[in-house]
Amino acid sequence: MQFRGSILKKTREEQGHKQYFFARLTGISQSHLSKIENGKTVPTLPELIIISNILERQLGHFVC
């Protein structure tokens, strides 16, 4: 299984969250969030849990 940042970005945008605002909600820096969404880095498990909770998605939603 592999984390898919593109799914995170799509889900975030579908819910109307701007990247800057979403970064503030999660406590993740905007630059780090950008790297996650562009597949340059993978979120830690605690980061992924926060992201999943805010977007109201299960952890498996972001992996394939």
PDB file of N, CA and C in Angstrom:
ATOM      1  N   MET A   1       0.839  -1.181   0.000  1.00  0.00           N
ATOM      2  CA  MET A   1       0.000   0.000   0.000  1.00  0.00           C
ATOM      3  C   MET A   1       0.882   1.241   0.000  1.00  0.00           C
ATOM      4  N   GLN A   2       0.440   2.236  -0.748  1.00  0.00           N
ATOM      5  CA  GLN A   2       1.217   3.460  -0.871  1.00  0.00           C
ATOM      6  C   GLN A   2       0.313   4.671  -0.681  1.00  0.00           C
ATOM      7  N   PHE A   3       0.806   5.629   0.083  1.00  0.00           N
ATOM      8  CA  PHE A   3       0.062   6.868   0.293  1.00  0.00           C
ATOM      9  C   PHE A   3       0.010   7.651  -1.005  1.00  0.00           C
ATOM     10  N   ARG A   4      -1.157   8.229  -1.310  1.00  0.00           N
ATOM     11  CA  ARG A   4      -1.346   9.010  -2.533  1.00  0.00           C
ATOM     12  C   ARG A   4      -1.677  10.461  -2.185  1.00  0.00           C
ATOM     13  N   GLY A   5      -0.683  11.321  -2.324  1.00  0.00           N
ATOM     14  CA  GLY A   5      -0.885  12.737  -2.050  1.00  0.00           C
ATOM     15  C   GLY A   5      -1.905  13.381  -2.970  1.00  0.00           C
ATOM     16  N   SER A   6      -1.994  12.857  -4.188  1.00  0.00           N
ATOM     17  CA  SER A   6      -2.958  13.417  -5.145  1.00  0.00           C
ATOM     18  C   SER A   6      -4.392  13.218  -4.665  1.00  0.00           C
ATOM     19  N   ILE A   7      -4.643  12.123  -3.963  1.00  0.00           N
ATOM     20  CA  ILE A   7      -5.981  11.877  -3.410  1.00  0.00           C
ATOM     21  C   ILE A   7      -6.256  12.872  -2.286  1.00  0.00           C
ATOM     22  N   LEU A   8      -5.253  13.132  -1.470  1.00  0.00           N
ATOM     23  CA  LEU A   8      -5.393  14.131  -0.409  1.00  0.00           C
ATOM     24  C   LEU A   8      -5.739  15.491  -1.013  1.00  0.00           C
ATOM     25  N   LYS A   9      -4.987  15.900  -2.019  1.00  0.00           N
ATOM     26  CA  LYS A   9      -5.220  17.204  -2.649  1.00  0.00           C
ATOM     27  C   LYS A   9      -6.625  17.279  -3.237  1.00  0.00           C
ATOM     28  N   LYS A  10      -7.029  16.248  -3.949  1.00  0.00           N
ATOM     29  CA  LYS A  10      -8.355  16.234  -4.571  1.00  0.00           C
ATOM     30  C   LYS A  10      -9.451  16.316  -3.515  1.00  0.00           C
ATOM     31  N   THR A  11      -9.320  15.533  -2.450  1.00  0.00           N
ATOM     32  CA  THR A  11     -10.317  15.526  -1.378  1.00  0.00           C
ATOM     33  C   THR A  11     -10.378  16.885  -0.694  1.00  0.00           C
ATOM     34  N   ARG A  12      -9.214  17.450  -0.404  1.00  0.00           N
ATOM     35  CA  ARG A  12      -9.158  18.777   0.230  1.00  0.00           C
ATOM     36  C   ARG A  12      -9.852  19.820  -0.643  1.00  0.00           C
ATOM     37  N   GLU A  13      -9.545  19.812  -1.925  1.00  0.00           N
ATOM     38  CA  GLU A  13     -10.143  20.793  -2.839  1.00  0.00           C
ATOM     39  C   GLU A  13     -11.651  20.580  -2.988  1.00  0.00           C
ATOM     40  N   GLU A  14     -12.088  19.323  -3.046  1.00  0.00           N
ATOM     41  CA  GLU A  14     -13.522  19.026  -3.152  1.00  0.00           C
ATOM     42  C   GLU A  14     -14.299  19.567  -1.956  1.00  0.00           C
ATOM     43  N   GLN A  15     -13.641  19.603  -0.804  1.00  0.00           N
ATOM     44  CA  GLN A  15     -14.298  20.102   0.401  1.00  0.00           C
ATOM     45  C   GLN A  15     -14.133  21.615   0.560  1.00  0.00           C
ATOM     46  N   GLY A  16     -13.471  22.245  -0.398  1.00  0.00           N
ATOM     47  CA  GLY A  16     -13.357  23.699  -0.404  1.00  0.00           C
ATOM     48  C   GLY A  16     -12.272  24.275   0.482  1.00  0.00           C
ATOM     49  N   HIS A  17     -11.329  23.436   0.906  1.00  0.00           N
ATOM     50  CA  HIS A  17     -10.239  23.923   1.754  1.00  0.00           C
ATOM     51  C   HIS A  17      -9.087  24.427   0.894  1.00  0.00           C
ATOM     52  N   LYS A  18      -8.683  25.661   1.095  1.00  0.00           N
ATOM     53  CA  LYS A  18      -7.469  26.178   0.467  1.00  0.00           C
ATOM     54  C   LYS A  18      -6.281  25.565   1.203  1.00  0.00           C
ATOM     55  N   GLN A  19      -5.176  25.386   0.487  1.00  0.00           N
ATOM     56  CA  GLN A  19      -4.020  24.719   1.074  1.00  0.00           C
ATOM     57  C   GLN A  19      -3.526  25.438   2.334  1.00  0.00           C
ATOM     58  N   TYR A  20      -3.446  26.756   2.293  1.00  0.00           N
ATOM     59  CA  TYR A  20      -2.956  27.508   3.452  1.00  0.00           C
ATOM     60  C   TYR A  20      -3.859  27.290   4.664  1.00  0.00           C
ATOM     61  N   PHE A  21      -5.160  27.397   4.450  1.00  0.00           N
ATOM     62  CA  PHE A  21      -6.119  27.221   5.538  1.00  0.00           C
ATOM     63  C   PHE A  21      -6.053  25.800   6.091  1.00  0.00           C
ATOM     64  N   PHE A  22      -5.987  24.822   5.192  1.00  0.00           N
ATOM     65  CA  PHE A  22      -5.937  23.427   5.623  1.00  0.00           C
ATOM     66  C   PHE A  22      -4.661  23.145   6.414  1.00  0.00           C
ATOM     67  N   ALA A  23      -3.558  23.722   5.977  1.00  0.00           N
ATOM     68  CA  ALA A  23      -2.300  23.553   6.706  1.00  0.00           C
ATOM     69  C   ALA A  23      -2.440  24.079   8.129  1.00  0.00           C
ATOM     70  N   ARG A  24      -3.095  25.219   8.276  1.00  0.00           N
ATOM     71  CA  ARG A  24      -3.299  25.779   9.620  1.00  0.00           C
ATOM     72  C   ARG A  24      -4.192  24.879  10.463  1.00  0.00           C
ATOM     73  N   LEU A  25      -5.233  24.308   9.844  1.00  0.00           N
ATOM     74  CA  LEU A  25      -6.127  23.400  10.578  1.00  0.00           C
ATOM     75  C   LEU A  25      -5.385  22.176  11.104  1.00  0.00           C
ATOM     76  N   THR A  26      -4.477  21.658  10.288  1.00  0.00           N
ATOM     77  CA  THR A  26      -3.772  20.427  10.645  1.00  0.00           C
ATOM     78  C   THR A  26      -2.557  20.663  11.527  1.00  0.00           C
ATOM     79  N   GLY A  27      -2.041  21.892  11.520  1.00  0.00           N
ATOM     80  CA  GLY A  27      -0.808  22.162  12.248  1.00  0.00           C
ATOM     81  C   GLY A  27       0.428  21.760  11.462  1.00  0.00           C
ATOM     82  N   ILE A  28       0.238  21.449  10.180  1.00  0.00           N
ATOM     83  CA  ILE A  28       1.337  21.086   9.287  1.00  0.00           C
ATOM     84  C   ILE A  28       1.705  22.341   8.506  1.00  0.00           C
ATOM     85  N   SER A  29       2.990  22.594   8.311  1.00  0.00           N
ATOM     86  CA  SER A  29       3.369  23.782   7.543  1.00  0.00           C
ATOM     87  C   SER A  29       2.865  23.649   6.110  1.00  0.00           C
ATOM     88  N   GLN A  30       2.606  24.785   5.487  1.00  0.00           N
ATOM     89  CA  GLN A  30       2.095  24.759   4.118  1.00  0.00           C
ATOM     90  C   GLN A  30       3.109  24.120   3.172  1.00  0.00           C
ATOM     91  N   SER A  31       4.380  24.386   3.376  1.00  0.00           N
ATOM     92  CA  SER A  31       5.399  23.799   2.496  1.00  0.00           C
ATOM     93  C   SER A  31       5.447  22.282   2.651  1.00  0.00           C
ATOM     94  N   HIS A  32       5.306  21.793   3.875  1.00  0.00           N
ATOM     95  CA  HIS A  32       5.300  20.345   4.107  1.00  0.00           C
ATOM     96  C   HIS A  32       4.041  19.723   3.501  1.00  0.00           C
ATOM     97  N   LEU A  33       2.903  20.381   3.664  1.00  0.00           N
ATOM     98  CA  LEU A  33       1.657  19.885   3.082  1.00  0.00           C
ATOM     99  C   LEU A  33       1.770  19.818   1.561  1.00  0.00           C
ATOM    100  N   SER A  34       2.376  20.818   0.959  1.00  0.00           N
ATOM    101  CA  SER A  34       2.576  20.823  -0.490  1.00  0.00           C
ATOM    102  C   SER A  34       3.420  19.630  -0.926  1.00  0.00           C
ATOM    103  N   LYS A  35       4.474  19.346  -0.181  1.00  0.00           N
ATOM    104  CA  LYS A  35       5.328  18.195  -0.503  1.00  0.00           C
ATOM    105  C   LYS A  35       4.556  16.885  -0.367  1.00  0.00           C
ATOM    106  N   ILE A  36       3.698  16.791   0.632  1.00  0.00           N
ATOM    107  CA  ILE A  36       2.870  15.595   0.811  1.00  0.00           C
ATOM    108  C   ILE A  36       1.937  15.436  -0.383  1.00  0.00           C
ATOM    109  N   GLU A  37       1.258  16.514  -0.753  1.00  0.00           N
ATOM    110  CA  GLU A  37       0.292  16.448  -1.850  1.00  0.00           C
ATOM    111  C   GLU A  37       0.954  16.159  -3.195  1.00  0.00           C
ATOM    112  N   ASN A  38       2.195  16.587  -3.360  1.00  0.00           N
ATOM    113  CA  ASN A  38       2.904  16.369  -4.619  1.00  0.00           C
ATOM    114  C   ASN A  38       3.734  15.089  -4.631  1.00  0.00           C
ATOM    115  N   GLY A  39       3.600  14.282  -3.582  1.00  0.00           N
ATOM    116  CA  GLY A  39       4.273  12.991  -3.539  1.00  0.00           C
ATOM    117  C   GLY A  39       5.762  13.050  -3.272  1.00  0.00           C
ATOM    118  N   LYS A  40       6.240  14.176  -2.756  1.00  0.00           N
ATOM    119  CA  LYS A  40       7.665  14.317  -2.473  1.00  0.00           C
ATOM    120  C   LYS A  40       8.030  13.820  -1.085  1.00  0.00           C
ATOM    121  N   THR A  41       7.022  13.677  -0.237  1.00  0.00           N
ATOM    122  CA  THR A  41       7.220  13.124   1.098  1.00  0.00           C
ATOM    123  C   THR A  41       5.924  12.446   1.530  1.00  0.00           C
ATOM    124  N   VAL A  42       6.026  11.629   2.546  1.00  0.00           N
ATOM    125  CA  VAL A  42       4.876  10.888   3.066  1.00  0.00           C
ATOM    126  C   VAL A  42       4.569  11.414   4.469  1.00  0.00           C
ATOM    127  N   PRO A  43       3.297  11.610   4.788  1.00  0.00           N
ATOM    128  CA  PRO A  43       2.973  12.095   6.133  1.00  0.00           C
ATOM    129  C   PRO A  43       3.265  11.035   7.187  1.00  0.00           C
ATOM    130  N   THR A  44       3.568  11.503   8.380  1.00  0.00           N
ATOM    131  CA  THR A  44       3.714  10.580   9.500  1.00  0.00           C
ATOM    132  C   THR A  44       2.324  10.050   9.857  1.00  0.00           C
ATOM    133  N   LEU A  45       2.268   8.987  10.620  1.00  0.00           N
ATOM    134  CA  LEU A  45       0.973   8.444  11.031  1.00  0.00           C
ATOM    135  C   LEU A  45       0.162   9.475  11.813  1.00  0.00           C
ATOM    136  N   PRO A  46       0.750  10.198  12.779  1.00  0.00           N
ATOM    137  CA  PRO A  46      -0.040  11.224  13.473  1.00  0.00           C
ATOM    138  C   PRO A  46      -0.579  12.298  12.523  1.00  0.00           C
ATOM    139  N   GLU A  47       0.233  12.714  11.536  1.00  0.00           N
ATOM    140  CA  GLU A  47      -0.243  13.694  10.555  1.00  0.00           C
ATOM    141  C   GLU A  47      -1.399  13.129   9.743  1.00  0.00           C
ATOM    142  N   LEU A  48      -1.275  11.884   9.329  1.00  0.00           N
ATOM    143  CA  LEU A  48      -2.322  11.245   8.531  1.00  0.00           C
ATOM    144  C   LEU A  48      -3.618  11.105   9.321  1.00  0.00           C
ATOM    145  N   ILE A  49      -3.517  10.816  10.587  1.00  0.00           N
ATOM    146  CA  ILE A  49      -4.714  10.715  11.435  1.00  0.00           C
ATOM    147  C   ILE A  49      -5.407  12.076  11.527  1.00  0.00           C
ATOM    148  N   ILE A  50      -4.643  13.133  11.723  1.00  0.00           N
ATOM    149  CA  ILE A  50      -5.217  14.483  11.790  1.00  0.00           C
ATOM    150  C   ILE A  50      -5.892  14.833  10.469  1.00  0.00           C
ATOM    151  N   ILE A  51      -5.201  14.583   9.357  1.00  0.00           N
ATOM    152  CA  ILE A  51      -5.754  14.863   8.025  1.00  0.00           C
ATOM    153  C   ILE A  51      -7.052  14.095   7.816  1.00  0.00           C
ATOM    154  N   SER A  52      -7.038  12.815   8.144  1.00  0.00           N
ATOM    155  CA  SER A  52      -8.226  11.969   7.967  1.00  0.00           C
ATOM    156  C   SER A  52      -9.398  12.462   8.801  1.00  0.00           C
ATOM    157  N   ASN A  53      -9.124  12.856  10.024  1.00  0.00           N
ATOM    158  CA  ASN A  53     -10.194  13.353  10.893  1.00  0.00           C
ATOM    159  C   ASN A  53     -10.802  14.646  10.362  1.00  0.00           C
ATOM    160  N   ILE A  54      -9.967  15.569   9.922  1.00  0.00           N
ATOM    161  CA  ILE A  54     -10.474  16.846   9.419  1.00  0.00           C
ATOM    162  C   ILE A  54     -11.288  16.647   8.144  1.00  0.00           C
ATOM    163  N   LEU A  55     -10.808  15.783   7.254  1.00  0.00           N
ATOM    164  CA  LEU A  55     -11.511  15.544   5.993  1.00  0.00           C
ATOM    165  C   LEU A  55     -12.624  14.499   6.124  1.00  0.00           C
ATOM    166  N   GLU A  56     -12.762  13.942   7.326  1.00  0.00           N
ATOM    167  CA  GLU A  56     -13.784  12.929   7.610  1.00  0.00           C
ATOM    168  C   GLU A  56     -13.697  11.753   6.640  1.00  0.00           C
ATOM    169  N   ARG A  57     -12.481  11.235   6.493  1.00  0.00           N
ATOM    170  CA  ARG A  57     -12.216  10.080   5.648  1.00  0.00           C
ATOM    171  C   ARG A  57     -11.436   9.056   6.463  1.00  0.00           C
ATOM    172  N   GLN A  58     -11.601   7.792   6.109  1.00  0.00           N
ATOM    173  CA  GLN A  58     -10.816   6.747   6.752  1.00  0.00           C
ATOM    174  C   GLN A  58      -9.388   6.804   6.218  1.00  0.00           C
ATOM    175  N   LEU A  59      -8.446   6.281   6.994  1.00  0.00           N
ATOM    176  CA  LEU A  59      -7.042   6.301   6.577  1.00  0.00           C
ATOM    177  C   LEU A  59      -6.857   5.642   5.216  1.00  0.00           C
ATOM    178  N   GLY A  60      -7.586   4.579   4.963  1.00  0.00           N
ATOM    179  CA  GLY A  60      -7.467   3.846   3.711  1.00  0.00           C
ATOM    180  C   GLY A  60      -7.871   4.640   2.481  1.00  0.00           C
ATOM    181  N   HIS A  61      -8.572   5.734   2.675  1.00  0.00           N
ATOM    182  CA  HIS A  61      -8.997   6.575   1.547  1.00  0.00           C
ATOM    183  C   HIS A  61      -7.796   7.141   0.791  1.00  0.00           C
ATOM    184  N   PHE A  62      -6.681   7.317   1.477  1.00  0.00           N
ATOM    185  CA  PHE A  62      -5.517   7.980   0.890  1.00  0.00           C
ATOM    186  C   PHE A  62      -4.432   7.025   0.408  1.00  0.00           C
ATOM    187  N   VAL A  63      -4.701   5.745   0.437  1.00  0.00           N
ATOM    188  CA  VAL A  63      -3.707   4.766  -0.016  1.00  0.00           C
ATOM    189  C   VAL A  63      -4.292   3.887  -1.111  1.00  0.00           C
ATOM    190  N   CYS A  64      -3.399   3.324  -1.895  1.00  0.00           N
ATOM    191  CA  CYS A  64      -3.850   2.367  -2.903  1.00  0.00           C
ATOM    192  C   CYS A  64      -2.799   1.290  -3.051  1.00  0.00           C
TER     193      CYS A  64
END
